[in-house]
């Protein structure tokens, strides 16, 4: 199973500005982000403490569902 970080890199540097791109770019640049994690709790906890913007937690919830579906 790929990590959530690997999943998010599909949005990094996208031509169209979006919250997904904003989150992916932040994840890429944040050296503390758990890049090898596949754990919902670990990533959710990290984002709760280090959220880069107000919508990041809600966006993560939505993206996590897609990540799980794609990763199976």
PDB file of N, CA and C in Angstrom:
ATOM      1  N   UNK A   1       0.845  -1.177   0.000  1.00  0.00           N
ATOM      2  CA  UNK A   1       0.000   0.000   0.000  1.00  0.00           C
ATOM      3  C   UNK A   1       0.888   1.237   0.000  1.00  0.00           C
ATOM      4  N   UNK A   2       0.565   2.169  -0.867  1.00  0.00           N
ATOM      5  CA  UNK A   2       1.327   3.408  -0.901  1.00  0.00           C
ATOM      6  C   UNK A   2       0.984   4.266   0.320  1.00  0.00           C
ATOM      7  N   UNK A   3       1.882   5.127   0.707  1.00  0.00           N
ATOM      8  CA  UNK A   3       1.624   6.013   1.833  1.00  0.00           C
ATOM      9  C   UNK A   3       0.661   7.126   1.399  1.00  0.00           C
ATOM     10  N   UNK A   4       0.067   7.781   2.382  1.00  0.00           N
ATOM     11  CA  UNK A   4      -0.814   8.902   2.072  1.00  0.00           C
ATOM     12  C   UNK A   4      -0.016  10.007   1.382  1.00  0.00           C
ATOM     13  N   UNK A   5       1.205  10.200   1.792  1.00  0.00           N
ATOM     14  CA  UNK A   5       2.080  11.185   1.150  1.00  0.00           C
ATOM     15  C   UNK A   5       2.216  10.881  -0.344  1.00  0.00           C
ATOM     16  N   UNK A   6       2.492   9.637  -0.693  1.00  0.00           N
ATOM     17  CA  UNK A   6       2.623   9.260  -2.099  1.00  0.00           C
ATOM     18  C   UNK A   6       1.326   9.523  -2.857  1.00  0.00           C
ATOM     19  N   UNK A   7       0.209   9.202  -2.237  1.00  0.00           N
ATOM     20  CA  UNK A   7      -1.092   9.471  -2.845  1.00  0.00           C
ATOM     21  C   UNK A   7      -1.257  10.971  -3.112  1.00  0.00           C
ATOM     22  N   UNK A   8      -0.901  11.803  -2.149  1.00  0.00           N
ATOM     23  CA  UNK A   8      -1.096  13.245  -2.275  1.00  0.00           C
ATOM     24  C   UNK A   8      -0.211  13.885  -3.343  1.00  0.00           C
ATOM     25  N   UNK A   9       0.891  13.252  -3.680  1.00  0.00           N
ATOM     26  CA  UNK A   9       1.789  13.845  -4.664  1.00  0.00           C
ATOM     27  C   UNK A   9       1.157  13.942  -6.052  1.00  0.00           C
ATOM     28  N   UNK A  10       0.050  13.254  -6.281  1.00  0.00           N
ATOM     29  CA  UNK A  10      -0.664  13.385  -7.552  1.00  0.00           C
ATOM     30  C   UNK A  10      -1.227  14.789  -7.725  1.00  0.00           C
ATOM     31  N   UNK A  11      -1.436  15.498  -6.620  1.00  0.00           N
ATOM     32  CA  UNK A  11      -2.003  16.847  -6.666  1.00  0.00           C
ATOM     33  C   UNK A  11      -0.931  17.935  -6.660  1.00  0.00           C
ATOM     34  N   UNK A  12       0.284  17.584  -6.335  1.00  0.00           N
ATOM     35  CA  UNK A  12       1.354  18.567  -6.200  1.00  0.00           C
ATOM     36  C   UNK A  12       1.677  19.219  -7.539  1.00  0.00           C
ATOM     37  N   UNK A  13       1.752  20.535  -7.521  1.00  0.00           N
ATOM     38  CA  UNK A  13       2.133  21.279  -8.705  1.00  0.00           C
ATOM     39  C   UNK A  13       1.093  21.265  -9.816  1.00  0.00           C
ATOM     40  N   UNK A  14      -0.142  20.927  -9.500  1.00  0.00           N
ATOM     41  CA  UNK A  14      -1.200  20.896 -10.516  1.00  0.00           C
ATOM     42  C   UNK A  14      -1.349  22.278 -11.156  1.00  0.00           C
ATOM     43  N   UNK A  15      -1.719  22.284 -12.407  1.00  0.00           N
ATOM     44  CA  UNK A  15      -1.887  23.545 -13.129  1.00  0.00           C
ATOM     45  C   UNK A  15      -2.979  24.417 -12.521  1.00  0.00           C
ATOM     46  N   UNK A  16      -4.077  23.783 -12.135  1.00  0.00           N
ATOM     47  CA  UNK A  16      -5.210  24.511 -11.579  1.00  0.00           C
ATOM     48  C   UNK A  16      -5.036  24.649 -10.063  1.00  0.00           C
ATOM     49  N   UNK A  17      -5.184  25.858  -9.589  1.00  0.00           N
ATOM     50  CA  UNK A  17      -5.106  26.093  -8.145  1.00  0.00           C
ATOM     51  C   UNK A  17      -6.299  25.434  -7.465  1.00  0.00           C
ATOM     52  N   UNK A  18      -6.039  24.698  -6.401  1.00  0.00           N
ATOM     53  CA  UNK A  18      -7.101  24.030  -5.658  1.00  0.00           C
ATOM     54  C   UNK A  18      -6.613  23.812  -4.232  1.00  0.00           C
ATOM     55  N   UNK A  19      -7.555  23.494  -3.365  1.00  0.00           N
ATOM     56  CA  UNK A  19      -7.171  23.173  -1.996  1.00  0.00           C
ATOM     57  C   UNK A  19      -6.340  21.895  -1.954  1.00  0.00           C
ATOM     58  N   UNK A  20      -6.648  20.939  -2.826  1.00  0.00           N
ATOM     59  CA  UNK A  20      -5.860  19.708  -2.894  1.00  0.00           C
ATOM     60  C   UNK A  20      -4.408  20.015  -3.234  1.00  0.00           C
ATOM     61  N   UNK A  21      -4.199  20.882  -4.203  1.00  0.00           N
ATOM     62  CA  UNK A  21      -2.832  21.274  -4.566  1.00  0.00           C
ATOM     63  C   UNK A  21      -2.155  22.000  -3.415  1.00  0.00           C
ATOM     64  N   UNK A  22      -2.886  22.880  -2.762  1.00  0.00           N
ATOM     65  CA  UNK A  22      -2.320  23.624  -1.632  1.00  0.00           C
ATOM     66  C   UNK A  22      -1.875  22.661  -0.526  1.00  0.00           C
ATOM     67  N   UNK A  23      -2.715  21.680  -0.213  1.00  0.00           N
ATOM     68  CA  UNK A  23      -2.361  20.717   0.825  1.00  0.00           C
ATOM     69  C   UNK A  23      -1.179  19.852   0.381  1.00  0.00           C
ATOM     70  N   UNK A  24      -1.189  19.392  -0.848  1.00  0.00           N
ATOM     71  CA  UNK A  24      -0.094  18.555  -1.351  1.00  0.00           C
ATOM     72  C   UNK A  24       1.233  19.312  -1.341  1.00  0.00           C
ATOM     73  N   UNK A  25       1.216  20.563  -1.763  1.00  0.00           N
ATOM     74  CA  UNK A  25       2.445  21.363  -1.758  1.00  0.00           C
ATOM     75  C   UNK A  25       2.946  21.571  -0.330  1.00  0.00           C
ATOM     76  N   UNK A  26       2.029  21.794   0.603  1.00  0.00           N
ATOM     77  CA  UNK A  26       2.419  21.968   1.999  1.00  0.00           C
ATOM     78  C   UNK A  26       3.010  20.681   2.558  1.00  0.00           C
ATOM     79  N   UNK A  27       2.358  19.547   2.276  1.00  0.00           N
ATOM     80  CA  UNK A  27       2.853  18.244   2.742  1.00  0.00           C
ATOM     81  C   UNK A  27       4.266  18.001   2.214  1.00  0.00           C
ATOM     82  N   UNK A  28       4.485  18.313   0.962  1.00  0.00           N
ATOM     83  CA  UNK A  28       5.800  18.120   0.346  1.00  0.00           C
ATOM     84  C   UNK A  28       6.872  18.954   1.057  1.00  0.00           C
ATOM     85  N   UNK A  29       6.532  20.192   1.364  1.00  0.00           N
ATOM     86  CA  UNK A  29       7.501  21.109   1.962  1.00  0.00           C
ATOM     87  C   UNK A  29       7.689  20.924   3.469  1.00  0.00           C
ATOM     88  N   UNK A  30       6.731  20.283   4.138  1.00  0.00           N
ATOM     89  CA  UNK A  30       6.797  20.106   5.590  1.00  0.00           C
ATOM     90  C   UNK A  30       7.647  18.888   5.937  1.00  0.00           C
ATOM     91  N   UNK A  31       8.828  19.124   6.461  1.00  0.00           N
ATOM     92  CA  UNK A  31       9.765  18.038   6.760  1.00  0.00           C
ATOM     93  C   UNK A  31       9.309  17.158   7.926  1.00  0.00           C
ATOM     94  N   UNK A  32       8.352  17.636   8.705  1.00  0.00           N
ATOM     95  CA  UNK A  32       7.865  16.850   9.834  1.00  0.00           C
ATOM     96  C   UNK A  32       6.679  15.956   9.499  1.00  0.00           C
ATOM     97  N   UNK A  33       6.104  16.143   8.324  1.00  0.00           N
ATOM     98  CA  UNK A  33       4.930  15.348   7.962  1.00  0.00           C
ATOM     99  C   UNK A  33       5.309  13.867   7.911  1.00  0.00           C
ATOM    100  N   UNK A  34       4.451  12.980   8.454  1.00  0.00           N
ATOM    101  CA  UNK A  34       4.764  11.541   8.454  1.00  0.00           C
ATOM    102  C   UNK A  34       4.633  10.934   7.044  1.00  0.00           C
ATOM    103  N   UNK A  35       5.662  11.097   6.251  1.00  0.00           N
ATOM    104  CA  UNK A  35       5.629  10.770   4.828  1.00  0.00           C
ATOM    105  C   UNK A  35       5.476   9.281   4.516  1.00  0.00           C
ATOM    106  N   UNK A  36       5.810   8.419   5.433  1.00  0.00           N
ATOM    107  CA  UNK A  36       5.717   6.979   5.170  1.00  0.00           C
ATOM    108  C   UNK A  36       4.473   6.352   5.801  1.00  0.00           C
ATOM    109  N   UNK A  37       3.644   7.179   6.390  1.00  0.00           N
ATOM    110  CA  UNK A  37       2.506   6.662   7.144  1.00  0.00           C
ATOM    111  C   UNK A  37       1.325   6.258   6.259  1.00  0.00           C
ATOM    112  N   UNK A  38       0.666   5.193   6.696  1.00  0.00           N
ATOM    113  CA  UNK A  38      -0.608   4.772   6.117  1.00  0.00           C
ATOM    114  C   UNK A  38      -1.675   4.777   7.214  1.00  0.00           C
ATOM    115  N   UNK A  39      -1.375   5.429   8.322  1.00  0.00           N
ATOM    116  CA  UNK A  39      -2.248   5.450   9.493  1.00  0.00           C
ATOM    117  C   UNK A  39      -3.105   6.712   9.526  1.00  0.00           C
ATOM    118  N   UNK A  40      -4.402   6.520   9.495  1.00  0.00           N
ATOM    119  CA  UNK A  40      -5.343   7.635   9.586  1.00  0.00           C
ATOM    120  C   UNK A  40      -5.074   8.452  10.846  1.00  0.00           C
ATOM    121  N   UNK A  41      -4.952   7.780  11.987  1.00  0.00           N
ATOM    122  CA  UNK A  41      -4.776   8.481  13.266  1.00  0.00           C
ATOM    123  C   UNK A  41      -3.497   9.299  13.304  1.00  0.00           C
ATOM    124  N   UNK A  42      -2.416   8.741  12.814  1.00  0.00           N
ATOM    125  CA  UNK A  42      -1.138   9.463  12.834  1.00  0.00           C
ATOM    126  C   UNK A  42      -1.216  10.738  11.991  1.00  0.00           C
ATOM    127  N   UNK A  43      -1.758  10.625  10.798  1.00  0.00           N
ATOM    128  CA  UNK A  43      -1.828  11.783   9.907  1.00  0.00           C
ATOM    129  C   UNK A  43      -2.856  12.789  10.405  1.00  0.00           C
ATOM    130  N   UNK A  44      -3.998  12.312  10.850  1.00  0.00           N
ATOM    131  CA  UNK A  44      -5.036  13.200  11.369  1.00  0.00           C
ATOM    132  C   UNK A  44      -4.523  13.981  12.575  1.00  0.00           C
ATOM    133  N   UNK A  45      -3.865  13.300  13.501  1.00  0.00           N
ATOM    134  CA  UNK A  45      -3.292  13.977  14.673  1.00  0.00           C
ATOM    135  C   UNK A  45      -2.273  15.023  14.258  1.00  0.00           C
ATOM    136  N   UNK A  46      -1.428  14.671  13.301  1.00  0.00           N
ATOM    137  CA  UNK A  46      -0.414  15.625  12.841  1.00  0.00           C
ATOM    138  C   UNK A  46      -1.071  16.878  12.259  1.00  0.00           C
ATOM    139  N   UNK A  47      -2.086  16.676  11.431  1.00  0.00           N
ATOM    140  CA  UNK A  47      -2.759  17.821  10.818  1.00  0.00           C
ATOM    141  C   UNK A  47      -3.512  18.665  11.838  1.00  0.00           C
ATOM    142  N   UNK A  48      -4.041  18.030  12.873  1.00  0.00           N
ATOM    143  CA  UNK A  48      -4.727  18.800  13.914  1.00  0.00           C
ATOM    144  C   UNK A  48      -3.767  19.753  14.615  1.00  0.00           C
ATOM    145  N   UNK A  49      -2.534  19.348  14.789  1.00  0.00           N
ATOM    146  CA  UNK A  49      -1.536  20.191  15.462  1.00  0.00           C
ATOM    147  C   UNK A  49      -0.816  21.135  14.523  1.00  0.00           C
ATOM    148  N   UNK A  50      -0.761  20.794  13.237  1.00  0.00           N
ATOM    149  CA  UNK A  50       0.058  21.563  12.295  1.00  0.00           C
ATOM    150  C   UNK A  50      -0.717  22.026  11.071  1.00  0.00           C
ATOM    151  N   UNK A  51      -2.012  22.114  11.168  1.00  0.00           N
ATOM    152  CA  UNK A  51      -2.858  22.417  10.017  1.00  0.00           C
ATOM    153  C   UNK A  51      -2.402  23.674   9.277  1.00  0.00           C
ATOM    154  N   UNK A  52      -2.158  23.552   7.976  1.00  0.00           N
ATOM    155  CA  UNK A  52      -1.648  24.688   7.213  1.00  0.00           C
ATOM    156  C   UNK A  52      -2.719  25.721   6.858  1.00  0.00           C
ATOM    157  N   UNK A  53      -3.989  25.335   6.858  1.00  0.00           N
ATOM    158  CA  UNK A  53      -5.083  26.261   6.569  1.00  0.00           C
ATOM    159  C   UNK A  53      -6.379  25.688   7.142  1.00  0.00           C
ATOM    160  N   UNK A  54      -7.372  26.525   7.280  1.00  0.00           N
ATOM    161  CA  UNK A  54      -8.602  26.153   7.994  1.00  0.00           C
ATOM    162  C   UNK A  54      -9.295  24.917   7.430  1.00  0.00           C
ATOM    163  N   UNK A  55      -9.331  24.758   6.128  1.00  0.00           N
ATOM    164  CA  UNK A  55     -10.066  23.664   5.504  1.00  0.00           C
ATOM    165  C   UNK A  55      -9.267  22.366   5.425  1.00  0.00           C
ATOM    166  N   UNK A  56      -8.041  22.360   5.893  1.00  0.00           N
ATOM    167  CA  UNK A  56      -7.155  21.205   5.717  1.00  0.00           C
ATOM    168  C   UNK A  56      -7.699  19.930   6.348  1.00  0.00           C
ATOM    169  N   UNK A  57      -8.273  20.015   7.530  1.00  0.00           N
ATOM    170  CA  UNK A  57      -8.780  18.821   8.215  1.00  0.00           C
ATOM    171  C   UNK A  57      -9.961  18.230   7.451  1.00  0.00           C
ATOM    172  N   UNK A  58     -10.909  19.076   7.059  1.00  0.00           N
ATOM    173  CA  UNK A  58     -12.063  18.585   6.292  1.00  0.00           C
ATOM    174  C   UNK A  58     -11.625  18.016   4.952  1.00  0.00           C
ATOM    175  N   UNK A  59     -10.678  18.657   4.314  1.00  0.00           N
ATOM    176  CA  UNK A  59     -10.156  18.169   3.043  1.00  0.00           C
ATOM    177  C   UNK A  59      -9.466  16.824   3.231  1.00  0.00           C
ATOM    178  N   UNK A  60      -8.691  16.687   4.289  1.00  0.00           N
ATOM    179  CA  UNK A  60      -8.035  15.419   4.586  1.00  0.00           C
ATOM    180  C   UNK A  60      -9.062  14.300   4.720  1.00  0.00           C
ATOM    181  N   UNK A  61     -10.151  14.560   5.428  1.00  0.00           N
ATOM    182  CA  UNK A  61     -11.200  13.548   5.616  1.00  0.00           C
ATOM    183  C   UNK A  61     -11.715  13.059   4.255  1.00  0.00           C
ATOM    184  N   UNK A  62     -11.972  13.989   3.361  1.00  0.00           N
ATOM    185  CA  UNK A  62     -12.468  13.651   2.030  1.00  0.00           C
ATOM    186  C   UNK A  62     -11.418  12.875   1.235  1.00  0.00           C
ATOM    187  N   UNK A  63     -10.196  13.356   1.265  1.00  0.00           N
ATOM    188  CA  UNK A  63      -9.120  12.711   0.505  1.00  0.00           C
ATOM    189  C   UNK A  63      -8.770  11.337   1.075  1.00  0.00           C
ATOM    190  N   UNK A  64      -8.895  11.174   2.383  1.00  0.00           N
ATOM    191  CA  UNK A  64      -8.586   9.884   2.999  1.00  0.00           C
ATOM    192  C   UNK A  64      -9.501   8.793   2.443  1.00  0.00           C
ATOM    193  N   UNK A  65     -10.775   9.101   2.298  1.00  0.00           N
ATOM    194  CA  UNK A  65     -11.714   8.121   1.744  1.00  0.00           C
ATOM    195  C   UNK A  65     -11.298   7.688   0.345  1.00  0.00           C
ATOM    196  N   UNK A  66     -10.897   8.640  -0.475  1.00  0.00           N
ATOM    197  CA  UNK A  66     -10.433   8.316  -1.822  1.00  0.00           C
ATOM    198  C   UNK A  66      -9.128   7.531  -1.777  1.00  0.00           C
ATOM    199  N   UNK A  67      -8.237   7.926  -0.889  1.00  0.00           N
ATOM    200  CA  UNK A  67      -6.952   7.212  -0.727  1.00  0.00           C
ATOM    201  C   UNK A  67      -7.162   5.756  -0.399  1.00  0.00           C
ATOM    202  N   UNK A  68      -8.071   5.473   0.525  1.00  0.00           N
ATOM    203  CA  UNK A  68      -8.361   4.089   0.909  1.00  0.00           C
ATOM    204  C   UNK A  68      -8.940   3.320  -0.276  1.00  0.00           C
ATOM    205  N   UNK A  69      -9.844   3.935  -0.995  1.00  0.00           N
ATOM    206  CA  UNK A  69     -10.466   3.285  -2.151  1.00  0.00           C
ATOM    207  C   UNK A  69      -9.446   2.983  -3.248  1.00  0.00           C
ATOM    208  N   UNK A  70      -8.581   3.934  -3.533  1.00  0.00           N
ATOM    209  CA  UNK A  70      -7.564   3.767  -4.578  1.00  0.00           C
ATOM    210  C   UNK A  70      -6.509   2.754  -4.163  1.00  0.00           C
ATOM    211  N   UNK A  71      -6.201   2.687  -2.887  1.00  0.00           N
ATOM    212  CA  UNK A  71      -5.110   1.849  -2.391  1.00  0.00           C
ATOM    213  C   UNK A  71      -5.487   0.373  -2.237  1.00  0.00           C
ATOM    214  N   UNK A  72      -6.743   0.045  -2.333  1.00  0.00           N
ATOM    215  CA  UNK A  72      -7.155  -1.351  -2.141  1.00  0.00           C
ATOM    216  C   UNK A  72      -6.955  -2.175  -3.387  1.00  0.00           C
TER     217      UNK A  72
END
